[in-house]
Amino acid sequence: MGSYGLCITTTQFDGKANKAIISLLAKLIKVSKRSISIISGELSREKLIFIEDISVETVSYLVS
């Protein structure tokens, strides 16, 4: 597993921050938004995210 930091400017109101994180990750990793889900931490600053059909190594390579 890897740990990464993201900076977004969207407010936390109505889950907009979570949607912004998913959108940003989808663009960075070049996958659909549907393949990304927040496993835990929806209301927290720290989140555990699952991305379908992609390895941790591939994600590390794409976001670095």
N, C-alpha and C. Protein backbone atom coordinates (compact mmCIF):
# COMPACT_ATOMS: atom_id res chain seq x y z
N MET A 1 0.84 -1.18 0.00
CA MET A 1 0.00 0.00 0.00
C MET A 1 0.88 1.24 0.00
N GLY A 2 0.34 2.30 -0.54
CA GLY A 2 1.07 3.55 -0.58
C GLY A 2 0.29 4.65 0.10
N SER A 3 1.00 5.68 0.47
CA SER A 3 0.37 6.83 1.10
C SER A 3 0.74 8.07 0.31
N TYR A 4 -0.25 8.87 -0.03
CA TYR A 4 -0.04 10.06 -0.84
C TYR A 4 -0.82 11.22 -0.26
N GLY A 5 -0.35 12.41 -0.50
CA GLY A 5 -1.05 13.61 -0.06
C GLY A 5 -1.66 14.31 -1.27
N LEU A 6 -2.86 14.79 -1.11
CA LEU A 6 -3.55 15.56 -2.16
C LEU A 6 -4.01 16.88 -1.57
N CYS A 7 -3.94 17.92 -2.35
CA CYS A 7 -4.45 19.22 -1.92
C CYS A 7 -5.59 19.60 -2.85
N ILE A 8 -6.74 19.85 -2.27
CA ILE A 8 -7.89 20.30 -3.04
C ILE A 8 -8.44 21.56 -2.38
N THR A 9 -9.16 22.35 -3.13
CA THR A 9 -9.68 23.60 -2.60
C THR A 9 -11.20 23.57 -2.40
N THR A 10 -11.81 22.44 -2.69
CA THR A 10 -13.25 22.30 -2.55
C THR A 10 -13.63 22.15 -1.08
N THR A 11 -14.78 22.70 -0.70
CA THR A 11 -15.24 22.57 0.68
C THR A 11 -15.75 21.16 0.94
N GLN A 12 -15.87 20.83 2.21
CA GLN A 12 -16.34 19.51 2.60
C GLN A 12 -17.85 19.38 2.56
N PHE A 13 -18.54 20.43 2.27
CA PHE A 13 -19.99 20.45 2.30
C PHE A 13 -20.58 19.50 1.25
N ASP A 14 -21.54 18.68 1.67
CA ASP A 14 -22.29 17.80 0.77
C ASP A 14 -21.43 16.80 0.01
N GLY A 15 -20.30 16.41 0.57
CA GLY A 15 -19.46 15.41 -0.08
C GLY A 15 -18.71 15.92 -1.30
N LYS A 16 -18.67 17.23 -1.49
CA LYS A 16 -18.00 17.79 -2.67
C LYS A 16 -16.50 17.53 -2.64
N ALA A 17 -15.91 17.54 -1.45
CA ALA A 17 -14.47 17.28 -1.35
C ALA A 17 -14.16 15.84 -1.77
N ASN A 18 -14.98 14.89 -1.35
CA ASN A 18 -14.76 13.49 -1.74
C ASN A 18 -14.90 13.32 -3.25
N LYS A 19 -15.88 13.98 -3.83
CA LYS A 19 -16.07 13.91 -5.29
C LYS A 19 -14.88 14.53 -6.01
N ALA A 20 -14.34 15.61 -5.46
CA ALA A 20 -13.18 16.26 -6.08
C ALA A 20 -11.95 15.35 -6.01
N ILE A 21 -11.79 14.65 -4.90
CA ILE A 21 -10.67 13.72 -4.76
C ILE A 21 -10.79 12.59 -5.78
N ILE A 22 -11.98 12.03 -5.91
CA ILE A 22 -12.20 10.95 -6.87
C ILE A 22 -11.96 11.44 -8.30
N SER A 23 -12.43 12.63 -8.62
CA SER A 23 -12.21 13.19 -9.97
C SER A 23 -10.73 13.41 -10.24
N LEU A 24 -10.02 13.96 -9.27
CA LEU A 24 -8.59 14.21 -9.44
C LEU A 24 -7.82 12.90 -9.63
N LEU A 25 -8.12 11.92 -8.80
CA LEU A 25 -7.44 10.62 -8.94
C LEU A 25 -7.75 9.97 -10.28
N ALA A 26 -8.99 10.04 -10.71
CA ALA A 26 -9.37 9.44 -11.99
C ALA A 26 -8.58 10.06 -13.14
N LYS A 27 -8.38 11.37 -13.09
CA LYS A 27 -7.60 12.04 -14.13
C LYS A 27 -6.13 11.66 -14.06
N LEU A 28 -5.57 11.63 -12.85
CA LEU A 28 -4.16 11.30 -12.68
C LEU A 28 -3.84 9.87 -13.12
N ILE A 29 -4.72 8.96 -12.77
CA ILE A 29 -4.46 7.53 -13.01
C ILE A 29 -5.07 7.06 -14.33
N LYS A 30 -5.89 7.91 -14.93
CA LYS A 30 -6.53 7.60 -16.20
C LYS A 30 -7.45 6.37 -16.11
N VAL A 31 -8.33 6.43 -15.11
CA VAL A 31 -9.37 5.41 -14.95
C VAL A 31 -10.70 6.13 -14.80
N SER A 32 -11.78 5.38 -14.88
CA SER A 32 -13.10 6.00 -14.70
C SER A 32 -13.34 6.29 -13.22
N LYS A 33 -14.18 7.27 -12.96
CA LYS A 33 -14.52 7.61 -11.58
C LYS A 33 -15.22 6.45 -10.88
N ARG A 34 -15.93 5.65 -11.65
CA ARG A 34 -16.64 4.51 -11.06
C ARG A 34 -15.70 3.45 -10.48
N SER A 35 -14.47 3.41 -10.97
CA SER A 35 -13.53 2.40 -10.49
C SER A 35 -12.83 2.83 -9.20
N ILE A 36 -13.13 4.04 -8.71
CA ILE A 36 -12.52 4.54 -7.48
C ILE A 36 -13.59 4.65 -6.41
N SER A 37 -13.29 4.12 -5.23
CA SER A 37 -14.24 4.24 -4.12
C SER A 37 -13.49 4.53 -2.82
N ILE A 38 -14.15 5.26 -1.95
CA ILE A 38 -13.59 5.56 -0.63
C ILE A 38 -14.05 4.46 0.32
N ILE A 39 -13.09 3.70 0.81
CA ILE A 39 -13.38 2.56 1.71
C ILE A 39 -13.68 3.06 3.12
N SER A 40 -12.85 3.99 3.59
CA SER A 40 -13.09 4.56 4.92
C SER A 40 -12.58 6.00 4.94
N GLY A 41 -13.11 6.78 5.85
CA GLY A 41 -12.68 8.15 6.02
C GLY A 41 -13.47 9.17 5.22
N GLU A 42 -14.71 8.85 4.87
CA GLU A 42 -15.51 9.80 4.09
C GLU A 42 -15.69 11.13 4.80
N LEU A 43 -15.69 11.11 6.12
CA LEU A 43 -15.87 12.35 6.88
C LEU A 43 -14.56 12.80 7.54
N SER A 44 -13.45 12.20 7.14
CA SER A 44 -12.16 12.49 7.74
C SER A 44 -11.20 13.06 6.70
N ARG A 45 -10.11 13.67 7.18
CA ARG A 45 -9.08 14.16 6.26
C ARG A 45 -8.27 13.00 5.70
N GLU A 46 -8.15 11.91 6.45
CA GLU A 46 -7.42 10.73 6.00
C GLU A 46 -8.41 9.72 5.45
N LYS A 47 -8.14 9.24 4.24
CA LYS A 47 -9.07 8.35 3.57
C LYS A 47 -8.35 7.10 3.09
N LEU A 48 -9.06 6.00 3.06
CA LEU A 48 -8.57 4.78 2.45
C LEU A 48 -9.34 4.62 1.15
N ILE A 49 -8.60 4.57 0.04
CA ILE A 49 -9.23 4.56 -1.28
C ILE A 49 -8.91 3.26 -2.00
N PHE A 50 -9.91 2.70 -2.65
CA PHE A 50 -9.74 1.49 -3.44
C PHE A 50 -9.92 1.84 -4.91
N ILE A 51 -9.00 1.34 -5.73
CA ILE A 51 -9.09 1.56 -7.17
C ILE A 51 -9.10 0.19 -7.84
N GLU A 52 -10.17 -0.10 -8.57
CA GLU A 52 -10.34 -1.40 -9.21
C GLU A 52 -9.36 -1.61 -10.35
N ASP A 53 -8.94 -2.86 -10.51
CA ASP A 53 -8.19 -3.31 -11.68
C ASP A 53 -6.89 -2.56 -11.94
N ILE A 54 -6.20 -2.14 -10.88
CA ILE A 54 -4.91 -1.47 -11.05
C ILE A 54 -4.05 -1.79 -9.83
N SER A 55 -2.77 -2.02 -10.06
CA SER A 55 -1.87 -2.40 -8.96
C SER A 55 -1.34 -1.16 -8.25
N VAL A 56 -0.86 -1.36 -7.04
CA VAL A 56 -0.26 -0.29 -6.26
C VAL A 56 0.96 0.26 -6.98
N GLU A 57 1.72 -0.62 -7.61
CA GLU A 57 2.92 -0.20 -8.35
C GLU A 57 2.55 0.73 -9.50
N THR A 58 1.49 0.39 -10.23
CA THR A 58 1.05 1.20 -11.34
C THR A 58 0.58 2.57 -10.86
N VAL A 59 -0.18 2.60 -9.79
CA VAL A 59 -0.63 3.87 -9.23
C VAL A 59 0.56 4.71 -8.80
N SER A 60 1.53 4.10 -8.12
CA SER A 60 2.73 4.82 -7.68
C SER A 60 3.46 5.43 -8.88
N TYR A 61 3.58 4.68 -9.95
CA TYR A 61 4.26 5.18 -11.14
C TYR A 61 3.49 6.36 -11.77
N LEU A 62 2.18 6.25 -11.84
CA LEU A 62 1.38 7.27 -12.51
C LEU A 62 1.27 8.58 -11.73
N VAL A 63 1.31 8.52 -10.41
CA VAL A 63 1.15 9.74 -9.63
C VAL A 63 2.48 10.39 -9.27
N SER A 64 3.59 9.72 -9.56
CA SER A 64 4.88 10.31 -9.22
C SER A 64 5.46 11.10 -10.37
